Amino acid sequence: MFQGDDVQTLLDKLGFIPGEIVEIILTTRGVEGELNAAPMGVIRVGARTLEVRPFLETRTYRNLKDTGLGVANITYDVGLFLETAFKRGGVRPEWFEEEPVADPPGLRGADALLFLSVLEESSFSEMRARFLCRVEWVRVRTPFPRAFSRGFAAAIEAIIHATRIEAFIREGRREEVDRLLRLFRGCRDVIERVSPEDSPNRRVVETLEDMIAEWMSKEWR
């Protein structure tokens, strides 16, 4: 675990470029003890400060507001991004560490954990809040570097598009859905070019296609 000046250095090494959105999975705990995990884009806005912008109706927002604590999990497990984004089986205890060193716990298998405390809250928009969070300390589990995969990047982007497609289908915003479907298909095309058929990236995009088809069949019959 690293604190103090080491945190700033580690954020640099972990790819947290100031002003750039980085995709992580944020784990939080509510005041009643319930755990939550959700993919989230965070922005480094200071030497050891991250900005988080959750939607107001989400459990992530409520937990950060009520407890002021969270863990930013860095992971290359694209399946975990999918599961925590949609939670089709609910929040699963097996996602989380069995013996965490702090609370809330991080995710099992995460490559690195960033333990956050909320410094301040403000409004980002009518639908979203802005939390400035201090990175109190960092735990790096997998220091060995990994090669970059366009398939992984496209799978994460496809998950993000799908979360918006689901919301816009419910709201009947067909033009927005059509636009996002084109972007989603672009991600799928990249994955089909660079990832083998039995890869996690392929499985994720195929699952998303089935989910999108189900949403559309229910809402737009």
Foldseek 3Di string as FASTA:
>chain_A
DDFDPVQLVVCVVVPQDAPDWDWFWKWFAAPVGDIAIAIFTWHDHDSFKIKTKDFPVDPVNRRCVHPQKIKTFAALQLVVNLCRHPVPVHDDPQQFDPDAPDPPTDGPPGQKIFIWGWPDKAPPDPTIIMTMIGRGGMDGRHPDDDDDDLLSVLLSVLSVLLSVLLVCLVVVVVVSNVVSVVSNVVSVVSNVVGPDCPDSSNVSSVVSVVVSVVSCVVRPD
